[in-house]
Amino acid sequence: MKKLLMVALLALCAIVVNARSSEPYNKAVGLRLGSGVGIDYKHFVSDEIAMQLIGSFGLTKPSYVNFTGLYVWEWNITKRFYWFIGPGLTAGVYNSNFNVAINGIVGLEYRFKVPLALAADVLPGWYFMDAIGVGWSAALTARYYF
């Protein structure tokens, strides 16, 4: 079911016409809330390409601390509503064991007239090292952009 949902979301995103960003920002920093809590930093290197860094930690058992780097393509759907997708890597400690993952991200972002953006995303990954397997997380992020 999770795979079907992911394929459907990716297919929906592929239908959207790519357009140049009409409300660009250069950098953003924010709070990420999902299965854990995190700090999110996003830096655009062009109108449609961004580098995103996420540092997150889990508040419940099993505990974890992760650092994720993503290469993200972003396109607008409307003047203030965007979708994004991209690959990335995660390294961290999960339940006292070092772990590494190859990730992807897909999500939606809304940019307000004030320098605030809200995003929702899914971050699936293939984990290897001590914990081998497929996992995913979903999160909401509020970013201050500048």
N, C-alpha and C. Protein backbone atom coordinates (compact mmCIF):
# COMPACT_ATOMS: atom_id res chain seq x y z
N MET A 1 0.82 -1.19 0.00
CA MET A 1 0.00 0.00 0.00
C MET A 1 0.87 1.26 0.00
N LYS A 2 1.95 1.24 0.80
CA LYS A 2 2.84 2.41 0.85
C LYS A 2 3.49 2.65 -0.50
N LYS A 3 3.90 1.56 -1.17
CA LYS A 3 4.54 1.70 -2.48
C LYS A 3 3.55 2.26 -3.50
N LEU A 4 2.31 1.79 -3.45
CA LEU A 4 1.28 2.27 -4.37
C LEU A 4 1.01 3.75 -4.15
N LEU A 5 0.94 4.17 -2.89
CA LEU A 5 0.73 5.58 -2.57
C LEU A 5 1.89 6.42 -3.09
N MET A 6 3.12 5.95 -2.91
CA MET A 6 4.30 6.69 -3.37
C MET A 6 4.29 6.80 -4.90
N VAL A 7 3.96 5.72 -5.60
CA VAL A 7 3.92 5.74 -7.06
C VAL A 7 2.84 6.70 -7.54
N ALA A 8 1.68 6.69 -6.87
CA ALA A 8 0.60 7.59 -7.25
C ALA A 8 1.00 9.05 -7.04
N LEU A 9 1.67 9.35 -5.94
CA LEU A 9 2.12 10.71 -5.67
C LEU A 9 3.15 11.16 -6.69
N LEU A 10 4.09 10.30 -7.04
CA LEU A 10 5.10 10.64 -8.05
C LEU A 10 4.46 10.83 -9.42
N ALA A 11 3.46 10.01 -9.76
CA ALA A 11 2.77 10.16 -11.05
C ALA A 11 2.02 11.48 -11.10
N LEU A 12 1.37 11.85 -10.01
CA LEU A 12 0.67 13.12 -9.95
C LEU A 12 1.64 14.29 -10.13
N CYS A 13 2.77 14.20 -9.47
CA CYS A 13 3.78 15.26 -9.59
C CYS A 13 4.32 15.35 -11.01
N ALA A 14 4.46 14.22 -11.70
CA ALA A 14 4.99 14.21 -13.06
C ALA A 14 4.04 14.87 -14.05
N ILE A 15 2.76 14.92 -13.73
CA ILE A 15 1.76 15.52 -14.62
C ILE A 15 1.84 17.04 -14.60
N VAL A 16 2.26 17.59 -13.48
CA VAL A 16 2.29 19.04 -13.32
C VAL A 16 3.28 19.65 -14.32
N VAL A 17 2.88 20.72 -14.97
CA VAL A 17 3.74 21.39 -15.95
C VAL A 17 4.84 22.15 -15.22
N ASN A 18 6.08 21.95 -15.63
CA ASN A 18 7.20 22.67 -15.03
C ASN A 18 7.15 24.12 -15.45
N ALA A 19 7.25 25.01 -14.47
CA ALA A 19 7.24 26.45 -14.75
C ALA A 19 8.31 27.13 -13.92
N ARG A 20 8.78 28.26 -14.42
CA ARG A 20 9.81 29.01 -13.69
C ARG A 20 9.21 29.57 -12.42
N SER A 21 9.97 29.56 -11.36
CA SER A 21 9.52 30.04 -10.06
C SER A 21 9.13 31.51 -10.13
N SER A 22 7.92 31.86 -9.60
CA SER A 22 7.48 33.25 -9.63
C SER A 22 7.64 33.93 -8.28
N GLU A 23 7.86 33.21 -7.24
CA GLU A 23 8.07 33.76 -5.90
C GLU A 23 9.36 33.17 -5.33
N PRO A 24 10.50 33.48 -5.94
CA PRO A 24 11.74 32.83 -5.50
C PRO A 24 12.25 33.36 -4.17
N TYR A 25 12.98 32.53 -3.50
CA TYR A 25 13.76 32.97 -2.35
C TYR A 25 15.12 32.31 -2.46
N ASN A 26 16.09 32.86 -1.76
CA ASN A 26 17.45 32.37 -1.85
C ASN A 26 17.76 31.33 -0.79
N LYS A 27 17.40 31.64 0.45
CA LYS A 27 17.70 30.76 1.58
C LYS A 27 16.49 30.70 2.50
N ALA A 28 16.41 29.60 3.26
CA ALA A 28 15.33 29.47 4.23
C ALA A 28 15.81 28.57 5.37
N VAL A 29 15.33 28.85 6.57
CA VAL A 29 15.65 28.04 7.73
C VAL A 29 14.34 27.79 8.47
N GLY A 30 14.17 26.58 9.01
CA GLY A 30 12.90 26.30 9.65
C GLY A 30 12.92 25.12 10.59
N LEU A 31 11.74 24.85 11.12
CA LEU A 31 11.50 23.76 12.06
C LEU A 31 10.72 22.67 11.35
N ARG A 32 11.19 21.43 11.48
CA ARG A 32 10.59 20.27 10.83
C ARG A 32 9.97 19.37 11.90
N LEU A 33 8.69 19.06 11.75
CA LEU A 33 7.99 18.21 12.71
C LEU A 33 7.41 17.00 11.99
N GLY A 34 7.75 15.82 12.49
CA GLY A 34 7.25 14.57 11.93
C GLY A 34 7.34 13.51 12.98
N SER A 35 7.97 12.39 12.65
CA SER A 35 8.18 11.34 13.65
C SER A 35 9.20 11.80 14.70
N GLY A 36 9.93 12.83 14.37
CA GLY A 36 10.88 13.46 15.29
C GLY A 36 10.84 14.96 15.08
N VAL A 37 11.82 15.64 15.62
CA VAL A 37 11.92 17.09 15.50
C VAL A 37 13.22 17.40 14.77
N GLY A 38 13.20 18.44 13.93
CA GLY A 38 14.42 18.76 13.20
C GLY A 38 14.54 20.21 12.83
N ILE A 39 15.75 20.56 12.41
CA ILE A 39 16.06 21.87 11.87
C ILE A 39 16.28 21.68 10.37
N ASP A 40 15.72 22.56 9.57
CA ASP A 40 15.77 22.44 8.12
C ASP A 40 16.42 23.71 7.54
N TYR A 41 17.36 23.54 6.61
CA TYR A 41 17.98 24.66 5.92
C TYR A 41 17.93 24.38 4.42
N LYS A 42 17.49 25.37 3.65
CA LYS A 42 17.35 25.20 2.21
C LYS A 42 18.03 26.38 1.52
N HIS A 43 18.87 26.08 0.52
CA HIS A 43 19.60 27.12 -0.22
C HIS A 43 19.45 26.85 -1.71
N PHE A 44 18.89 27.82 -2.44
CA PHE A 44 18.72 27.67 -3.88
C PHE A 44 20.01 28.03 -4.58
N VAL A 45 20.44 27.15 -5.49
CA VAL A 45 21.63 27.41 -6.30
C VAL A 45 21.24 27.90 -7.69
N SER A 46 19.96 27.76 -8.04
CA SER A 46 19.38 28.31 -9.27
C SER A 46 17.89 28.52 -9.00
N ASP A 47 17.14 28.94 -10.01
CA ASP A 47 15.71 29.18 -9.82
C ASP A 47 14.95 27.92 -9.43
N GLU A 48 15.39 26.75 -9.90
CA GLU A 48 14.65 25.51 -9.67
C GLU A 48 15.41 24.45 -8.89
N ILE A 49 16.66 24.71 -8.51
CA ILE A 49 17.47 23.69 -7.83
C ILE A 49 17.92 24.21 -6.48
N ALA A 50 17.72 23.37 -5.45
CA ALA A 50 18.10 23.75 -4.09
C ALA A 50 18.87 22.62 -3.43
N MET A 51 19.71 23.00 -2.49
CA MET A 51 20.37 22.05 -1.60
C MET A 51 19.64 22.18 -0.27
N GLN A 52 19.24 21.06 0.30
CA GLN A 52 18.49 21.08 1.55
C GLN A 52 19.21 20.21 2.58
N LEU A 53 19.38 20.75 3.78
CA LEU A 53 20.01 20.02 4.89
C LEU A 53 19.00 19.89 6.01
N ILE A 54 18.92 18.69 6.58
CA ILE A 54 17.99 18.43 7.67
C ILE A 54 18.76 17.74 8.80
N GLY A 55 18.68 18.30 9.98
CA GLY A 55 19.21 17.65 11.18
C GLY A 55 18.01 17.30 12.05
N SER A 56 17.84 16.03 12.37
CA SER A 56 16.64 15.64 13.13
C SER A 56 16.99 14.64 14.22
N PHE A 57 16.11 14.56 15.21
CA PHE A 57 16.28 13.60 16.28
C PHE A 57 14.92 13.11 16.74
N GLY A 58 14.90 11.85 17.20
CA GLY A 58 13.67 11.24 17.68
C GLY A 58 13.50 11.44 19.16
N LEU A 59 12.27 11.71 19.56
CA LEU A 59 11.98 11.98 20.97
C LEU A 59 11.54 10.74 21.73
N THR A 60 11.19 9.67 21.02
CA THR A 60 10.70 8.46 21.67
C THR A 60 11.61 7.29 21.33
N LYS A 61 11.36 6.15 21.94
CA LYS A 61 12.14 4.94 21.67
C LYS A 61 11.69 4.32 20.36
N PRO A 62 12.54 3.83 19.51
CA PRO A 62 13.99 3.93 19.60
C PRO A 62 14.44 5.34 19.22
N SER A 63 15.44 5.82 19.91
CA SER A 63 15.92 7.17 19.68
C SER A 63 16.85 7.21 18.47
N TYR A 64 16.97 8.38 17.88
CA TYR A 64 17.87 8.54 16.74
C TYR A 64 18.30 9.99 16.60
N VAL A 65 19.42 10.19 15.91
CA VAL A 65 19.91 11.49 15.48
C VAL A 65 20.37 11.30 14.04
N ASN A 66 19.80 12.09 13.11
CA ASN A 66 20.11 11.96 11.69
C ASN A 66 20.52 13.30 11.09
N PHE A 67 21.36 13.23 10.07
CA PHE A 67 21.70 14.38 9.26
C PHE A 67 21.47 13.98 7.81
N THR A 68 20.64 14.76 7.10
CA THR A 68 20.25 14.44 5.73
C THR A 68 20.63 15.59 4.81
N GLY A 69 21.21 15.25 3.67
CA GLY A 69 21.49 16.22 2.62
C GLY A 69 20.72 15.84 1.37
N LEU A 70 20.03 16.81 0.77
CA LEU A 70 19.18 16.54 -0.39
C LEU A 70 19.50 17.51 -1.54
N TYR A 71 19.37 17.03 -2.75
CA TYR A 71 19.46 17.82 -3.97
C TYR A 71 18.04 17.89 -4.51
N VAL A 72 17.43 19.07 -4.52
CA VAL A 72 15.99 19.18 -4.75
C VAL A 72 15.68 20.03 -5.99
N TRP A 73 14.79 19.50 -6.85
CA TRP A 73 14.23 20.28 -7.95
C TRP A 73 12.87 20.77 -7.50
N GLU A 74 12.56 22.04 -7.78
CA GLU A 74 11.30 22.62 -7.32
C GLU A 74 10.65 23.41 -8.45
N TRP A 75 9.34 23.20 -8.63
CA TRP A 75 8.57 23.89 -9.66
C TRP A 75 7.27 24.41 -9.09
N ASN A 76 6.77 25.52 -9.66
CA ASN A 76 5.52 26.04 -9.15
C ASN A 76 4.31 25.43 -9.84
N ILE A 77 3.25 25.28 -9.05
CA ILE A 77 1.95 24.82 -9.54
C ILE A 77 1.09 26.06 -9.78
N THR A 78 1.09 26.96 -8.80
CA THR A 78 0.46 28.27 -8.92
C THR A 78 1.49 29.29 -8.46
N LYS A 79 1.07 30.55 -8.33
CA LYS A 79 2.01 31.61 -7.97
C LYS A 79 2.72 31.35 -6.63
N ARG A 80 2.05 30.76 -5.66
CA ARG A 80 2.63 30.55 -4.33
C ARG A 80 2.71 29.08 -3.91
N PHE A 81 2.25 28.18 -4.74
CA PHE A 81 2.18 26.76 -4.40
C PHE A 81 3.17 25.99 -5.28
N TYR A 82 4.04 25.18 -4.66
CA TYR A 82 5.14 24.50 -5.35
C TYR A 82 5.15 23.01 -5.04
N TRP A 83 5.78 22.25 -5.90
CA TRP A 83 6.08 20.85 -5.61
C TRP A 83 7.56 20.62 -5.82
N PHE A 84 8.10 19.64 -5.12
CA PHE A 84 9.54 19.37 -5.21
C PHE A 84 9.82 17.89 -5.10
N ILE A 85 10.98 17.50 -5.65
CA ILE A 85 11.40 16.11 -5.63
C ILE A 85 12.93 16.07 -5.74
N GLY A 86 13.56 15.06 -5.14
CA GLY A 86 15.00 14.96 -5.27
C GLY A 86 15.61 13.81 -4.48
N PRO A 87 16.87 13.47 -4.79
CA PRO A 87 17.60 12.42 -4.08
C PRO A 87 18.43 12.98 -2.93
N GLY A 88 18.87 12.09 -2.05
CA GLY A 88 19.72 12.53 -0.95
C GLY A 88 20.35 11.38 -0.20
N LEU A 89 21.13 11.74 0.82
CA LEU A 89 21.80 10.78 1.69
C LEU A 89 21.55 11.16 3.15
N THR A 90 21.46 10.14 4.00
CA THR A 90 21.30 10.36 5.44
C THR A 90 22.36 9.55 6.17
N ALA A 91 22.91 10.14 7.22
CA ALA A 91 23.83 9.43 8.12
C ALA A 91 23.39 9.77 9.53
N GLY A 92 23.46 8.80 10.42
CA GLY A 92 23.06 9.07 11.79
C GLY A 92 23.18 7.86 12.68
N VAL A 93 22.70 8.05 13.90
CA VAL A 93 22.70 6.99 14.90
C VAL A 93 21.25 6.64 15.20
N TYR A 94 20.91 5.35 15.05
CA TYR A 94 19.58 4.85 15.29
C TYR A 94 19.66 3.74 16.32
N ASN A 95 19.04 3.93 17.46
CA ASN A 95 19.04 2.92 18.51
C ASN A 95 20.47 2.49 18.87
N SER A 96 21.35 3.47 19.02
CA SER A 96 22.76 3.29 19.39
C SER A 96 23.62 2.64 18.31
N ASN A 97 23.14 2.54 17.07
CA ASN A 97 23.90 1.96 15.97
C ASN A 97 24.03 2.98 14.85
N PHE A 98 25.24 3.07 14.24
CA PHE A 98 25.45 3.96 13.12
C PHE A 98 24.69 3.44 11.91
N ASN A 99 24.08 4.35 11.14
CA ASN A 99 23.31 3.95 9.98
C ASN A 99 23.49 4.96 8.85
N VAL A 100 23.34 4.48 7.62
CA VAL A 100 23.43 5.30 6.42
C VAL A 100 22.25 4.95 5.54
N ALA A 101 21.71 5.95 4.81
CA ALA A 101 20.57 5.69 3.93
C ALA A 101 20.70 6.48 2.64
N ILE A 102 20.16 5.91 1.58
CA ILE A 102 19.97 6.62 0.32
C ILE A 102 18.50 7.02 0.32
N ASN A 103 18.24 8.33 0.19
CA ASN A 103 16.88 8.85 0.33
C ASN A 103 16.37 9.46 -0.96
N GLY A 104 15.09 9.72 -0.93
CA GLY A 104 14.42 10.55 -1.91
C GLY A 104 13.48 11.45 -1.13
N ILE A 105 13.05 12.53 -1.72
CA ILE A 105 12.06 13.40 -1.08
C ILE A 105 11.07 13.84 -2.14
N VAL A 106 9.82 13.93 -1.75
CA VAL A 106 8.77 14.48 -2.61
C VAL A 106 7.82 15.24 -1.70
N GLY A 107 7.40 16.43 -2.14
CA GLY A 107 6.52 17.21 -1.28
C GLY A 107 5.93 18.42 -1.95
N LEU A 108 5.18 19.16 -1.14
CA LEU A 108 4.50 20.38 -1.56
C LEU A 108 4.88 21.51 -0.62
N GLU A 109 4.95 22.74 -1.16
CA GLU A 109 5.29 23.90 -0.35
C GLU A 109 4.38 25.07 -0.73
N TYR A 110 3.91 25.79 0.29
CA TYR A 110 3.13 27.01 0.07
C TYR A 110 3.90 28.18 0.66
N ARG A 111 4.06 29.25 -0.14
CA ARG A 111 4.80 30.44 0.30
C ARG A 111 3.80 31.59 0.51
N PHE A 112 3.80 32.12 1.72
CA PHE A 112 2.93 33.24 2.05
C PHE A 112 3.55 34.54 1.54
N LYS A 113 2.77 35.63 1.57
CA LYS A 113 3.28 36.95 1.18
C LYS A 113 4.32 37.45 2.16
N VAL A 114 4.19 37.09 3.42
CA VAL A 114 5.24 37.37 4.41
C VAL A 114 6.31 36.30 4.22
N PRO A 115 7.53 36.47 4.72
CA PRO A 115 8.60 35.48 4.47
C PRO A 115 8.43 34.19 5.27
N LEU A 116 7.35 33.47 4.99
CA LEU A 116 7.05 32.20 5.65
C LEU A 116 6.60 31.20 4.60
N ALA A 117 7.14 30.00 4.66
CA ALA A 117 6.74 28.90 3.77
C ALA A 117 6.39 27.69 4.63
N LEU A 118 5.31 27.00 4.26
CA LEU A 118 4.92 25.75 4.92
C LEU A 118 5.04 24.62 3.90
N ALA A 119 5.67 23.52 4.32
CA ALA A 119 5.88 22.39 3.41
C ALA A 119 5.44 21.09 4.08
N ALA A 120 4.99 20.17 3.26
CA ALA A 120 4.68 18.80 3.69
C ALA A 120 5.43 17.88 2.74
N ASP A 121 6.12 16.87 3.30
CA ASP A 121 6.90 16.00 2.43
C ASP A 121 6.95 14.58 2.97
N VAL A 122 7.34 13.68 2.08
CA VAL A 122 7.60 12.28 2.41
C VAL A 122 9.05 12.02 2.04
N LEU A 123 9.77 11.34 2.93
CA LEU A 123 11.20 11.09 2.77
C LEU A 123 11.45 9.57 2.87
N PRO A 124 11.26 8.83 1.76
CA PRO A 124 11.56 7.40 1.81
C PRO A 124 13.05 7.16 1.70
N GLY A 125 13.51 6.02 2.23
CA GLY A 125 14.92 5.72 2.16
C GLY A 125 15.22 4.24 2.24
N TRP A 126 16.37 3.86 1.71
CA TRP A 126 16.88 2.50 1.83
C TRP A 126 18.06 2.57 2.79
N TYR A 127 17.90 1.93 3.92
CA TYR A 127 18.90 1.97 4.99
C TYR A 127 19.80 0.76 4.92
N PHE A 128 21.08 0.99 5.13
CA PHE A 128 22.03 -0.11 5.21
C PHE A 128 23.04 0.20 6.30
N MET A 129 23.84 -0.69 6.66
CA MET A 129 24.79 -0.72 7.78
C MET A 129 24.16 -1.63 8.83
N ASP A 130 23.86 -1.11 10.03
CA ASP A 130 23.33 -1.98 11.08
C ASP A 130 21.84 -2.30 10.90
N ALA A 131 21.05 -1.33 10.45
CA ALA A 131 19.62 -1.57 10.23
C ALA A 131 19.37 -1.56 8.72
N ILE A 132 19.22 -2.74 8.13
CA ILE A 132 19.05 -2.85 6.69
C ILE A 132 17.56 -2.93 6.37
N GLY A 133 17.13 -2.14 5.39
CA GLY A 133 15.74 -2.19 4.97
C GLY A 133 15.25 -0.85 4.44
N VAL A 134 13.98 -0.83 4.13
CA VAL A 134 13.34 0.35 3.59
C VAL A 134 12.53 1.02 4.70
N GLY A 135 12.62 2.34 4.77
CA GLY A 135 11.85 3.09 5.74
C GLY A 135 11.43 4.42 5.14
N TRP A 136 10.63 5.15 5.87
CA TRP A 136 10.20 6.45 5.39
C TRP A 136 9.75 7.30 6.56
N SER A 137 9.69 8.59 6.31
CA SER A 137 9.14 9.51 7.29
C SER A 137 8.35 10.57 6.54
N ALA A 138 7.41 11.16 7.21
CA ALA A 138 6.62 12.27 6.67
C ALA A 138 6.74 13.41 7.67
N ALA A 139 6.72 14.64 7.16
CA ALA A 139 6.91 15.77 8.06
C ALA A 139 6.24 17.03 7.51
N LEU A 140 5.99 17.95 8.42
CA LEU A 140 5.56 19.30 8.10
C LEU A 140 6.69 20.23 8.50
N THR A 141 7.00 21.20 7.65
CA THR A 141 8.09 22.14 7.92
C THR A 141 7.59 23.56 7.76
N ALA A 142 7.94 24.40 8.73
CA ALA A 142 7.69 25.84 8.63
C ALA A 142 9.05 26.51 8.47
N ARG A 143 9.21 27.29 7.38
CA ARG A 143 10.49 27.94 7.09
C ARG A 143 10.35 29.46 7.01
N TYR A 144 11.32 30.15 7.57
CA TYR A 144 11.48 31.59 7.37
C TYR A 144 12.41 31.74 6.19
N TYR A 145 11.96 32.43 5.13
CA TYR A 145 12.84 32.56 3.96
C TYR A 145 13.34 33.99 3.80
N PHE A 146 14.53 34.07 3.19
CA PHE A 146 15.18 35.36 2.97
C PHE A 146 16.04 35.30 1.73
